[in-house]
């Protein structure tokens, strides 16, 4: 039994290679040479626009969330007893500095 399996594998591989050789690429018809390159050139800008738009939208949502979190933190500090405007201003400056150093704001 094992010998027949060992012999069958090279035969199956040989049949596969023979089929692959018989299915070689045919040349393109005369009017269709380079059609895929043209299609790619037409689709690529639209695809890149969609990808960059999705990235920009994600970045805007991230910045919005960070600013909301900073405002929430300042409101929390004011509610816990930071009753002067100077303390709130200092907290705001600290949060904005944190956002600037993380690359979120410029």
PDB file of N, CA and C in Angstrom:
ATOM      1  N   UNK A   1       0.801  -1.198   0.000  1.00  0.00           N
ATOM      2  CA  UNK A   1       0.000   0.000   0.000  1.00  0.00           C
ATOM      3  C   UNK A   1       0.848   1.268   0.000  1.00  0.00           C
ATOM      4  N   UNK A   2       1.846   1.410   0.879  1.00  0.00           N
ATOM      5  CA  UNK A   2       2.635   2.637   0.860  1.00  0.00           C
ATOM      6  C   UNK A   2       3.367   2.848  -0.466  1.00  0.00           C
ATOM      7  N   UNK A   3       3.831   1.769  -1.119  1.00  0.00           N
ATOM      8  CA  UNK A   3       4.548   1.929  -2.382  1.00  0.00           C
ATOM      9  C   UNK A   3       3.650   2.489  -3.466  1.00  0.00           C
ATOM     10  N   UNK A   4       2.393   2.072  -3.496  1.00  0.00           N
ATOM     11  CA  UNK A   4       1.486   2.587  -4.526  1.00  0.00           C
ATOM     12  C   UNK A   4       1.224   4.080  -4.296  1.00  0.00           C
ATOM     13  N   UNK A   5       1.169   4.502  -3.028  1.00  0.00           N
ATOM     14  CA  UNK A   5       0.959   5.926  -2.739  1.00  0.00           C
ATOM     15  C   UNK A   5       2.165   6.742  -3.181  1.00  0.00           C
ATOM     16  N   UNK A   6       3.363   6.213  -2.913  1.00  0.00           N
ATOM     17  CA  UNK A   6       4.582   6.921  -3.289  1.00  0.00           C
ATOM     18  C   UNK A   6       4.678   7.025  -4.802  1.00  0.00           C
ATOM     19  N   UNK A   7       4.253   5.992  -5.518  1.00  0.00           N
ATOM     20  CA  UNK A   7       4.281   6.040  -6.972  1.00  0.00           C
ATOM     21  C   UNK A   7       3.182   6.948  -7.519  1.00  0.00           C
ATOM     22  N   UNK A   8       2.073   7.045  -6.814  1.00  0.00           N
ATOM     23  CA  UNK A   8       0.942   7.841  -7.302  1.00  0.00           C
ATOM     24  C   UNK A   8       1.233   9.335  -7.215  1.00  0.00           C
ATOM     25  N   UNK A   9       2.005   9.753  -6.231  1.00  0.00           N
ATOM     26  CA  UNK A   9       2.284  11.181  -6.070  1.00  0.00           C
ATOM     27  C   UNK A   9       3.068  11.727  -7.259  1.00  0.00           C
ATOM     28  N   UNK A  10       4.153  11.119  -7.675  1.00  0.00           N
ATOM     29  CA  UNK A  10       4.850  11.668  -8.843  1.00  0.00           C
ATOM     30  C   UNK A  10       3.983  11.625 -10.104  1.00  0.00           C
ATOM     31  N   UNK A  11       3.121  10.609 -10.254  1.00  0.00           N
ATOM     32  CA  UNK A  11       2.250  10.557 -11.421  1.00  0.00           C
ATOM     33  C   UNK A  11       1.240  11.697 -11.406  1.00  0.00           C
ATOM     34  N   UNK A  12       0.676  11.969 -10.227  1.00  0.00           N
ATOM     35  CA  UNK A  12      -0.279  13.062 -10.117  1.00  0.00           C
ATOM     36  C   UNK A  12       0.404  14.400 -10.370  1.00  0.00           C
ATOM     37  N   UNK A  13       1.618  14.552  -9.875  1.00  0.00           N
ATOM     38  CA  UNK A  13       2.375  15.779 -10.103  1.00  0.00           C
ATOM     39  C   UNK A  13       2.702  15.943 -11.583  1.00  0.00           C
ATOM     40  N   UNK A  14       3.054  14.844 -12.236  1.00  0.00           N
ATOM     41  CA  UNK A  14       3.357  14.899 -13.658  1.00  0.00           C
ATOM     42  C   UNK A  14       2.107  15.284 -14.458  1.00  0.00           C
ATOM     43  N   UNK A  15       0.945  14.718 -14.100  1.00  0.00           N
ATOM     44  CA  UNK A  15      -0.299  15.084 -14.790  1.00  0.00           C
ATOM     45  C   UNK A  15      -0.613  16.565 -14.586  1.00  0.00           C
ATOM     46  N   UNK A  16      -0.390  17.052 -13.359  1.00  0.00           N
ATOM     47  CA  UNK A  16      -0.657  18.462 -13.072  1.00  0.00           C
ATOM     48  C   UNK A  16       0.257  19.363 -13.895  1.00  0.00           C
ATOM     49  N   UNK A  17       1.539  19.028 -13.963  1.00  0.00           N
ATOM     50  CA  UNK A  17       2.482  19.835 -14.739  1.00  0.00           C
ATOM     51  C   UNK A  17       2.150  19.801 -16.225  1.00  0.00           C
ATOM     52  N   UNK A  18       1.718  18.654 -16.721  1.00  0.00           N
ATOM     53  CA  UNK A  18       1.339  18.563 -18.137  1.00  0.00           C
ATOM     54  C   UNK A  18       0.144  19.456 -18.432  1.00  0.00           C
ATOM     55  N   UNK A  19      -0.855  19.459 -17.533  1.00  0.00           N
ATOM     56  CA  UNK A  19      -2.017  20.330 -17.720  1.00  0.00           C
ATOM     57  C   UNK A  19      -1.615  21.803 -17.653  1.00  0.00           C
ATOM     58  N   UNK A  20      -0.707  22.141 -16.734  1.00  0.00           N
ATOM     59  CA  UNK A  20      -0.276  23.530 -16.597  1.00  0.00           C
ATOM     60  C   UNK A  20       0.474  23.988 -17.842  1.00  0.00           C
ATOM     61  N   UNK A  21       1.270  23.113 -18.437  1.00  0.00           N
ATOM     62  CA  UNK A  21       1.990  23.480 -19.649  1.00  0.00           C
ATOM     63  C   UNK A  21       1.047  23.687 -20.821  1.00  0.00           C
ATOM     64  N   UNK A  22      -0.026  22.913 -20.848  1.00  0.00           N
ATOM     65  CA  UNK A  22      -0.965  23.042 -21.964  1.00  0.00           C
ATOM     66  C   UNK A  22      -1.818  24.307 -21.846  1.00  0.00           C
ATOM     67  N   UNK A  23      -1.901  24.888 -20.651  1.00  0.00           N
ATOM     68  CA  UNK A  23      -2.708  26.096 -20.444  1.00  0.00           C
ATOM     69  C   UNK A  23      -1.831  27.343 -20.416  1.00  0.00           C
ATOM     70  N   UNK A  24      -0.948  27.478 -21.309  1.00  0.00           N
ATOM     71  CA  UNK A  24      -0.083  28.657 -21.333  1.00  0.00           C
ATOM     72  C   UNK A  24      -0.893  29.887 -21.690  1.00  0.00           C
ATOM     73  N   UNK A  25      -0.354  31.045 -21.345  1.00  0.00           N
ATOM     74  CA  UNK A  25      -1.050  32.295 -21.641  1.00  0.00           C
ATOM     75  C   UNK A  25      -1.157  32.501 -23.134  1.00  0.00           C
ATOM     76  N   UNK A  26      -2.356  32.869 -23.509  1.00  0.00           N
ATOM     77  CA  UNK A  26      -2.565  33.214 -24.906  1.00  0.00           C
ATOM     78  C   UNK A  26      -2.295  34.700 -25.079  1.00  0.00           C
ATOM     79  N   UNK A  27      -1.805  35.112 -26.215  1.00  0.00           N
ATOM     80  CA  UNK A  27      -1.576  36.546 -26.429  1.00  0.00           C
ATOM     81  C   UNK A  27      -2.898  37.301 -26.465  1.00  0.00           C
ATOM     82  N   UNK A  28      -2.843  38.565 -26.081  1.00  0.00           N
ATOM     83  CA  UNK A  28      -4.037  39.404 -26.085  1.00  0.00           C
ATOM     84  C   UNK A  28      -4.467  39.663 -27.520  1.00  0.00           C
ATOM     85  N   UNK A  29      -5.771  39.811 -27.697  1.00  0.00           N
ATOM     86  CA  UNK A  29      -6.233  40.236 -29.022  1.00  0.00           C
ATOM     87  C   UNK A  29      -5.626  41.599 -29.360  1.00  0.00           C
ATOM     88  N   UNK A  30      -5.520  41.939 -30.613  1.00  0.00           N
ATOM     89  CA  UNK A  30      -4.813  43.161 -31.015  1.00  0.00           C
ATOM     90  C   UNK A  30      -5.319  44.438 -30.358  1.00  0.00           C
ATOM     91  N   UNK A  31      -6.589  44.603 -30.119  1.00  0.00           N
ATOM     92  CA  UNK A  31      -7.100  45.856 -29.573  1.00  0.00           C
ATOM     93  C   UNK A  31      -7.097  45.924 -28.058  1.00  0.00           C
ATOM     94  N   UNK A  32      -6.731  44.856 -27.373  1.00  0.00           N
ATOM     95  CA  UNK A  32      -6.849  44.822 -25.914  1.00  0.00           C
ATOM     96  C   UNK A  32      -5.512  44.865 -25.181  1.00  0.00           C
ATOM     97  N   UNK A  33      -4.433  45.072 -25.853  1.00  0.00           N
ATOM     98  CA  UNK A  33      -3.130  45.134 -25.205  1.00  0.00           C
ATOM     99  C   UNK A  33      -3.061  46.390 -24.340  1.00  0.00           C
ATOM    100  N   UNK A  34      -2.754  46.233 -23.062  1.00  0.00           N
ATOM    101  CA  UNK A  34      -2.629  47.362 -22.142  1.00  0.00           C
ATOM    102  C   UNK A  34      -3.941  47.821 -21.531  1.00  0.00           C
ATOM    103  N   UNK A  35      -5.022  47.083 -21.745  1.00  0.00           N
ATOM    104  CA  UNK A  35      -6.320  47.497 -21.215  1.00  0.00           C
ATOM    105  C   UNK A  35      -6.334  47.452 -19.692  1.00  0.00           C
ATOM    106  N   UNK A  36      -5.676  46.474 -19.106  1.00  0.00           N
ATOM    107  CA  UNK A  36      -5.670  46.388 -17.643  1.00  0.00           C
ATOM    108  C   UNK A  36      -4.893  47.549 -17.025  1.00  0.00           C
ATOM    109  N   UNK A  37      -3.849  48.016 -17.695  1.00  0.00           N
ATOM    110  CA  UNK A  37      -3.092  49.166 -17.186  1.00  0.00           C
ATOM    111  C   UNK A  37      -3.944  50.428 -17.218  1.00  0.00           C
ATOM    112  N   UNK A  38      -4.746  50.588 -18.252  1.00  0.00           N
ATOM    113  CA  UNK A  38      -5.628  51.748 -18.347  1.00  0.00           C
ATOM    114  C   UNK A  38      -6.706  51.680 -17.270  1.00  0.00           C
ATOM    115  N   UNK A  39      -7.281  50.494 -17.065  1.00  0.00           N
ATOM    116  CA  UNK A  39      -8.296  50.335 -16.023  1.00  0.00           C
ATOM    117  C   UNK A  39      -7.709  50.629 -14.650  1.00  0.00           C
ATOM    118  N   UNK A  40      -6.496  50.155 -14.407  1.00  0.00           N
ATOM    119  CA  UNK A  40      -5.830  50.426 -13.133  1.00  0.00           C
ATOM    120  C   UNK A  40      -5.599  51.922 -12.950  1.00  0.00           C
ATOM    121  N   UNK A  41      -5.183  52.594 -14.010  1.00  0.00           N
ATOM    122  CA  UNK A  41      -4.932  54.039 -13.928  1.00  0.00           C
ATOM    123  C   UNK A  41      -6.217  54.815 -13.687  1.00  0.00           C
ATOM    124  N   UNK A  42      -7.337  54.305 -14.148  1.00  0.00           N
ATOM    125  CA  UNK A  42      -8.617  54.979 -13.918  1.00  0.00           C
ATOM    126  C   UNK A  42      -9.152  54.732 -12.515  1.00  0.00           C
ATOM    127  N   UNK A  43      -8.924  53.554 -11.977  1.00  0.00           N
ATOM    128  CA  UNK A  43      -9.486  53.181 -10.675  1.00  0.00           C
ATOM    129  C   UNK A  43      -8.611  53.653  -9.515  1.00  0.00           C
ATOM    130  N   UNK A  44      -7.298  53.709  -9.691  1.00  0.00           N
ATOM    131  CA  UNK A  44      -6.385  54.033  -8.595  1.00  0.00           C
ATOM    132  C   UNK A  44      -6.678  55.380  -7.930  1.00  0.00           C
ATOM    133  N   UNK A  45      -6.890  56.476  -8.650  1.00  0.00           N
ATOM    134  CA  UNK A  45      -7.164  57.742  -7.961  1.00  0.00           C
ATOM    135  C   UNK A  45      -8.442  57.704  -7.127  1.00  0.00           C
ATOM    136  N   UNK A  46      -9.466  57.033  -7.631  1.00  0.00           N
ATOM    137  CA  UNK A  46     -10.716  56.933  -6.875  1.00  0.00           C
ATOM    138  C   UNK A  46     -10.498  56.114  -5.609  1.00  0.00           C
ATOM    139  N   UNK A  47      -9.781  55.012  -5.737  1.00  0.00           N
ATOM    140  CA  UNK A  47      -9.498  54.166  -4.582  1.00  0.00           C
ATOM    141  C   UNK A  47      -8.673  54.916  -3.534  1.00  0.00           C
ATOM    142  N   UNK A  48      -7.638  55.621  -3.984  1.00  0.00           N
ATOM    143  CA  UNK A  48      -6.808  56.387  -3.045  1.00  0.00           C
ATOM    144  C   UNK A  48      -7.609  57.503  -2.381  1.00  0.00           C
ATOM    145  N   UNK A  49      -8.513  58.123  -3.118  1.00  0.00           N
ATOM    146  CA  UNK A  49      -9.361  59.157  -2.548  1.00  0.00           C
ATOM    147  C   UNK A  49     -10.229  58.582  -1.432  1.00  0.00           C
ATOM    148  N   UNK A  50     -10.793  57.419  -1.663  1.00  0.00           N
ATOM    149  CA  UNK A  50     -11.616  56.783  -0.627  1.00  0.00           C
ATOM    150  C   UNK A  50     -10.789  56.405   0.600  1.00  0.00           C
ATOM    151  N   UNK A  51      -9.618  55.847   0.386  1.00  0.00           N
ATOM    152  CA  UNK A  51      -8.764  55.443   1.512  1.00  0.00           C
ATOM    153  C   UNK A  51      -8.313  56.667   2.312  1.00  0.00           C
ATOM    154  N   UNK A  52      -7.857  57.689   1.621  1.00  0.00           N
ATOM    155  CA  UNK A  52      -7.400  58.890   2.332  1.00  0.00           C
ATOM    156  C   UNK A  52      -8.558  59.593   3.032  1.00  0.00           C
ATOM    157  N   UNK A  53      -9.737  59.576   2.439  1.00  0.00           N
ATOM    158  CA  UNK A  53     -10.910  60.151   3.083  1.00  0.00           C
ATOM    159  C   UNK A  53     -11.269  59.413   4.361  1.00  0.00           C
ATOM    160  N   UNK A  54     -11.185  58.091   4.324  1.00  0.00           N
ATOM    161  CA  UNK A  54     -11.472  57.303   5.526  1.00  0.00           C
ATOM    162  C   UNK A  54     -10.447  57.591   6.617  1.00  0.00           C
ATOM    163  N   UNK A  55      -9.168  57.709   6.239  1.00  0.00           N
ATOM    164  CA  UNK A  55      -8.136  58.032   7.228  1.00  0.00           C
ATOM    165  C   UNK A  55      -8.345  59.425   7.821  1.00  0.00           C
ATOM    166  N   UNK A  56      -8.684  60.384   6.986  1.00  0.00           N
ATOM    167  CA  UNK A  56      -8.916  61.743   7.465  1.00  0.00           C
ATOM    168  C   UNK A  56     -10.123  61.787   8.395  1.00  0.00           C
ATOM    169  N   UNK A  57     -11.175  61.071   8.042  1.00  0.00           N
ATOM    170  CA  UNK A  57     -12.359  61.028   8.888  1.00  0.00           C
ATOM    171  C   UNK A  57     -12.033  60.415  10.248  1.00  0.00           C
ATOM    172  N   UNK A  58     -11.241  59.348  10.258  1.00  0.00           N
ATOM    173  CA  UNK A  58     -10.817  58.742  11.522  1.00  0.00           C
ATOM    174  C   UNK A  58      -9.978  59.702  12.352  1.00  0.00           C
ATOM    175  N   UNK A  59      -9.100  60.456  11.707  1.00  0.00           N
ATOM    176  CA  UNK A  59      -8.266  61.428  12.415  1.00  0.00           C
ATOM    177  C   UNK A  59      -9.135  62.526  13.028  1.00  0.00           C
ATOM    178  N   UNK A  60     -10.125  63.008  12.290  1.00  0.00           N
ATOM    179  CA  UNK A  60     -11.024  64.049  12.811  1.00  0.00           C
ATOM    180  C   UNK A  60     -11.793  63.528  14.015  1.00  0.00           C
ATOM    181  N   UNK A  61     -12.278  62.300  13.937  1.00  0.00           N
ATOM    182  CA  UNK A  61     -12.989  61.729  15.087  1.00  0.00           C
ATOM    183  C   UNK A  61     -12.072  61.578  16.297  1.00  0.00           C
ATOM    184  N   UNK A  62     -10.818  61.220  16.061  1.00  0.00           N
ATOM    185  CA  UNK A  62      -9.871  61.076  17.158  1.00  0.00           C
ATOM    186  C   UNK A  62      -9.619  62.426  17.844  1.00  0.00           C
ATOM    187  N   UNK A  63      -9.376  63.462  17.045  1.00  0.00           N
ATOM    188  CA  UNK A  63      -9.117  64.791  17.615  1.00  0.00           C
ATOM    189  C   UNK A  63     -10.349  65.285  18.367  1.00  0.00           C
ATOM    190  N   UNK A  64     -11.523  65.048  17.797  1.00  0.00           N
ATOM    191  CA  UNK A  64     -12.766  65.457  18.463  1.00  0.00           C
ATOM    192  C   UNK A  64     -12.905  64.766  19.824  1.00  0.00           C
ATOM    193  N   UNK A  65     -12.602  63.496  19.850  1.00  0.00           N
ATOM    194  CA  UNK A  65     -12.691  62.757  21.111  1.00  0.00           C
ATOM    195  C   UNK A  65     -11.687  63.283  22.136  1.00  0.00           C
ATOM    196  N   UNK A  66     -10.474  63.558  21.689  1.00  0.00           N
ATOM    197  CA  UNK A  66      -9.461  64.065  22.610  1.00  0.00           C
ATOM    198  C   UNK A  66      -9.844  65.432  23.178  1.00  0.00           C
ATOM    199  N   UNK A  67     -10.384  66.305  22.347  1.00  0.00           N
ATOM    200  CA  UNK A  67     -10.812  67.615  22.838  1.00  0.00           C
ATOM    201  C   UNK A  67     -11.987  67.474  23.803  1.00  0.00           C
ATOM    202  N   UNK A  68     -12.894  66.567  23.504  1.00  0.00           N
ATOM    203  CA  UNK A  68     -14.015  66.322  24.404  1.00  0.00           C
ATOM    204  C   UNK A  68     -13.511  65.798  25.748  1.00  0.00           C
ATOM    205  N   UNK A  69     -12.544  64.894  25.717  1.00  0.00           N
ATOM    206  CA  UNK A  69     -11.993  64.349  26.962  1.00  0.00           C
ATOM    207  C   UNK A  69     -11.283  65.437  27.765  1.00  0.00           C
ATOM    208  N   UNK A  70     -10.578  66.344  27.070  1.00  0.00           N
ATOM    209  CA  UNK A  70      -9.901  67.440  27.773  1.00  0.00           C
ATOM    210  C   UNK A  70     -10.928  68.365  28.429  1.00  0.00           C
ATOM    211  N   UNK A  71     -11.993  68.700  27.712  1.00  0.00           N
ATOM    212  CA  UNK A  71     -13.035  69.558  28.289  1.00  0.00           C
ATOM    213  C   UNK A  71     -13.715  68.868  29.474  1.00  0.00           C
ATOM    214  N   UNK A  72     -13.924  67.582  29.354  1.00  0.00           N
ATOM    215  CA  UNK A  72     -14.542  66.836  30.453  1.00  0.00           C
ATOM    216  C   UNK A  72     -13.638  66.830  31.681  1.00  0.00           C
ATOM    217  N   UNK A  73     -12.357  66.680  31.475  1.00  0.00           N
ATOM    218  CA  UNK A  73     -11.409  66.691  32.587  1.00  0.00           C
ATOM    219  C   UNK A  73     -11.399  68.048  33.285  1.00  0.00           C
ATOM    220  N   UNK A  74     -11.442  69.129  32.515  1.00  0.00           N
ATOM    221  CA  UNK A  74     -11.447  70.470  33.097  1.00  0.00           C
ATOM    222  C   UNK A  74     -12.733  70.702  33.875  1.00  0.00           C
ATOM    223  N   UNK A  75     -13.856  70.284  33.315  1.00  0.00           N
ATOM    224  CA  UNK A  75     -15.137  70.434  34.018  1.00  0.00           C
ATOM    225  C   UNK A  75     -15.136  69.622  35.314  1.00  0.00           C
ATOM    226  N   UNK A  76     -14.527  68.459  35.272  1.00  0.00           N
ATOM    227  CA  UNK A  76     -14.447  67.631  36.479  1.00  0.00           C
ATOM    228  C   UNK A  76     -13.627  68.342  37.554  1.00  0.00           C
ATOM    229  N   UNK A  77     -12.492  68.915  37.154  1.00  0.00           N
ATOM    230  CA  UNK A  77     -11.672  69.634  38.133  1.00  0.00           C
ATOM    231  C   UNK A  77     -12.412  70.835  38.700  1.00  0.00           C
ATOM    232  N   UNK A  78     -13.152  71.541  37.871  1.00  0.00           N
ATOM    233  CA  UNK A  78     -13.920  72.687  38.363  1.00  0.00           C
ATOM    234  C   UNK A  78     -15.021  72.235  39.320  1.00  0.00           C
ATOM    235  N   UNK A  79     -15.642  71.098  39.030  1.00  0.00           N
ATOM    236  CA  UNK A  79     -16.710  70.597  39.888  1.00  0.00           C
ATOM    237  C   UNK A  79     -16.172  70.087  41.222  1.00  0.00           C
ATOM    238  N   UNK A  80     -14.924  69.653  41.254  1.00  0.00           N
ATOM    239  CA  UNK A  80     -14.356  69.122  42.487  1.00  0.00           C
ATOM    240  C   UNK A  80     -13.754  70.192  43.393  1.00  0.00           C
ATOM    241  N   UNK A  81     -13.808  71.445  42.964  1.00  0.00           N
ATOM    242  CA  UNK A  81     -13.357  72.467  43.885  1.00  0.00           C
ATOM    243  C   UNK A  81     -12.373  73.462  43.338  1.00  0.00           C
ATOM    244  N   UNK A  82     -11.974  73.321  42.091  1.00  0.00           N
ATOM    245  CA  UNK A  82     -11.094  74.318  41.498  1.00  0.00           C
ATOM    246  C   UNK A  82     -11.985  75.488  41.082  1.00  0.00           C
ATOM    247  N   UNK A  83     -12.211  76.396  42.014  1.00  0.00           N
ATOM    248  CA  UNK A  83     -13.233  77.416  41.794  1.00  0.00           C
ATOM    249  C   UNK A  83     -12.705  78.683  41.150  1.00  0.00           C
ATOM    250  N   UNK A  84     -11.447  78.774  40.879  1.00  0.00           N
ATOM    251  CA  UNK A  84     -10.932  80.003  40.285  1.00  0.00           C
ATOM    252  C   UNK A  84     -10.713  79.800  38.791  1.00  0.00           C
ATOM    253  N   UNK A  85     -10.813  80.873  38.075  1.00  0.00           N
ATOM    254  CA  UNK A  85     -10.601  80.816  36.635  1.00  0.00           C
ATOM    255  C   UNK A  85      -9.141  80.510  36.310  1.00  0.00           C
ATOM    256  N   UNK A  86      -8.235  80.934  37.186  1.00  0.00           N
ATOM    257  CA  UNK A  86      -6.812  80.678  36.959  1.00  0.00           C
ATOM    258  C   UNK A  86      -6.530  79.174  36.996  1.00  0.00           C
ATOM    259  N   UNK A  87      -7.181  78.471  37.927  1.00  0.00           N
ATOM    260  CA  UNK A  87      -6.988  77.024  38.013  1.00  0.00           C
ATOM    261  C   UNK A  87      -7.525  76.340  36.761  1.00  0.00           C
ATOM    262  N   UNK A  88      -8.688  76.794  36.283  1.00  0.00           N
ATOM    263  CA  UNK A  88      -9.267  76.218  35.072  1.00  0.00           C
ATOM    264  C   UNK A  88      -8.386  76.520  33.866  1.00  0.00           C
ATOM    265  N   UNK A  89      -7.847  77.717  33.812  1.00  0.00           N
ATOM    266  CA  UNK A  89      -6.970  78.087  32.705  1.00  0.00           C
ATOM    267  C   UNK A  89      -5.699  77.245  32.716  1.00  0.00           C
ATOM    268  N   UNK A  90      -5.151  77.023  33.912  1.00  0.00           N
ATOM    269  CA  UNK A  90      -3.954  76.188  34.037  1.00  0.00           C
ATOM    270  C   UNK A  90      -4.253  74.752  33.591  1.00  0.00           C
ATOM    271  N   UNK A  91      -5.408  74.242  34.004  1.00  0.00           N
ATOM    272  CA  UNK A  91      -5.787  72.885  33.600  1.00  0.00           C
ATOM    273  C   UNK A  91      -5.979  72.803  32.093  1.00  0.00           C
ATOM    274  N   UNK A  92      -6.600  73.834  31.513  1.00  0.00           N
ATOM    275  CA  UNK A  92      -6.795  73.860  30.068  1.00  0.00           C
ATOM    276  C   UNK A  92      -5.450  73.898  29.339  1.00  0.00           C
ATOM    277  N   UNK A  93      -4.531  74.719  29.820  1.00  0.00           N
ATOM    278  CA  UNK A  93      -3.209  74.799  29.193  1.00  0.00           C
ATOM    279  C   UNK A  93      -2.462  73.474  29.306  1.00  0.00           C
ATOM    280  N   UNK A  94      -2.607  72.808  30.445  1.00  0.00           N
ATOM    281  CA  UNK A  94      -1.946  71.517  30.633  1.00  0.00           C
ATOM    282  C   UNK A  94      -2.503  70.474  29.652  1.00  0.00           C
ATOM    283  N   UNK A  95      -3.834  70.448  29.500  1.00  0.00           N
ATOM    284  CA  UNK A  95      -4.447  69.486  28.584  1.00  0.00           C
ATOM    285  C   UNK A  95      -4.076  69.788  27.133  1.00  0.00           C
ATOM    286  N   UNK A  96      -4.049  71.074  26.774  1.00  0.00           N
ATOM    287  CA  UNK A  96      -3.678  71.442  25.414  1.00  0.00           C
ATOM    288  C   UNK A  96      -2.205  71.125  25.141  1.00  0.00           C
ATOM    289  N   UNK A  97      -1.357  71.306  26.127  1.00  0.00           N
ATOM    290  CA  UNK A  97       0.059  70.949  25.965  1.00  0.00           C
ATOM    291  C   UNK A  97       0.202  69.441  25.773  1.00  0.00           C
ATOM    292  N   UNK A  98      -0.600  68.667  26.502  1.00  0.00           N
ATOM    293  CA  UNK A  98      -0.560  67.212  26.348  1.00  0.00           C
ATOM    294  C   UNK A  98      -0.989  66.817  24.933  1.00  0.00           C
ATOM    295  N   UNK A  99      -2.010  67.469  24.416  1.00  0.00           N
ATOM    296  CA  UNK A  99      -2.465  67.160  23.068  1.00  0.00           C
ATOM    297  C   UNK A  99      -1.436  67.597  22.024  1.00  0.00           C
ATOM    298  N   UNK A 100      -0.781  68.715  22.247  1.00  0.00           N
ATOM    299  CA  UNK A 100       0.232  69.189  21.298  1.00  0.00           C
ATOM    300  C   UNK A 100       1.436  68.253  21.255  1.00  0.00           C
ATOM    301  N   UNK A 101       1.883  67.776  22.428  1.00  0.00           N
ATOM    302  CA  UNK A 101       3.060  66.901  22.457  1.00  0.00           C
ATOM    303  C   UNK A 101       2.749  65.526  21.885  1.00  0.00           C
ATOM    304  N   UNK A 102       1.474  65.114  21.919  1.00  0.00           N
ATOM    305  CA  UNK A 102       1.137  63.816  21.338  1.00  0.00           C
ATOM    306  C   UNK A 102       0.959  63.917  19.838  1.00  0.00           C
ATOM    307  N   UNK A 103       1.054  65.127  19.273  1.00  0.00           N
ATOM    308  CA  UNK A 103       0.924  65.285  17.832  1.00  0.00           C
ATOM    309  C   UNK A 103      -0.497  65.472  17.372  1.00  0.00           C
ATOM    310  N   UNK A 104      -1.431  65.604  18.304  1.00  0.00           N
ATOM    311  CA  UNK A 104      -2.821  65.715  17.925  1.00  0.00           C
ATOM    312  C   UNK A 104      -3.158  67.122  17.440  1.00  0.00           C
ATOM    313  N   UNK A 105      -2.635  68.131  18.114  1.00  0.00           N
ATOM    314  CA  UNK A 105      -2.883  69.525  17.746  1.00  0.00           C
ATOM    315  C   UNK A 105      -1.583  70.178  17.330  1.00  0.00           C
ATOM    316  N   UNK A 106      -1.698  71.184  16.484  1.00  0.00           N
ATOM    317  CA  UNK A 106      -0.496  71.906  16.073  1.00  0.00           C
ATOM    318  C   UNK A 106      -0.620  73.355  16.444  1.00  0.00           C
TER     319      UNK A 106
END
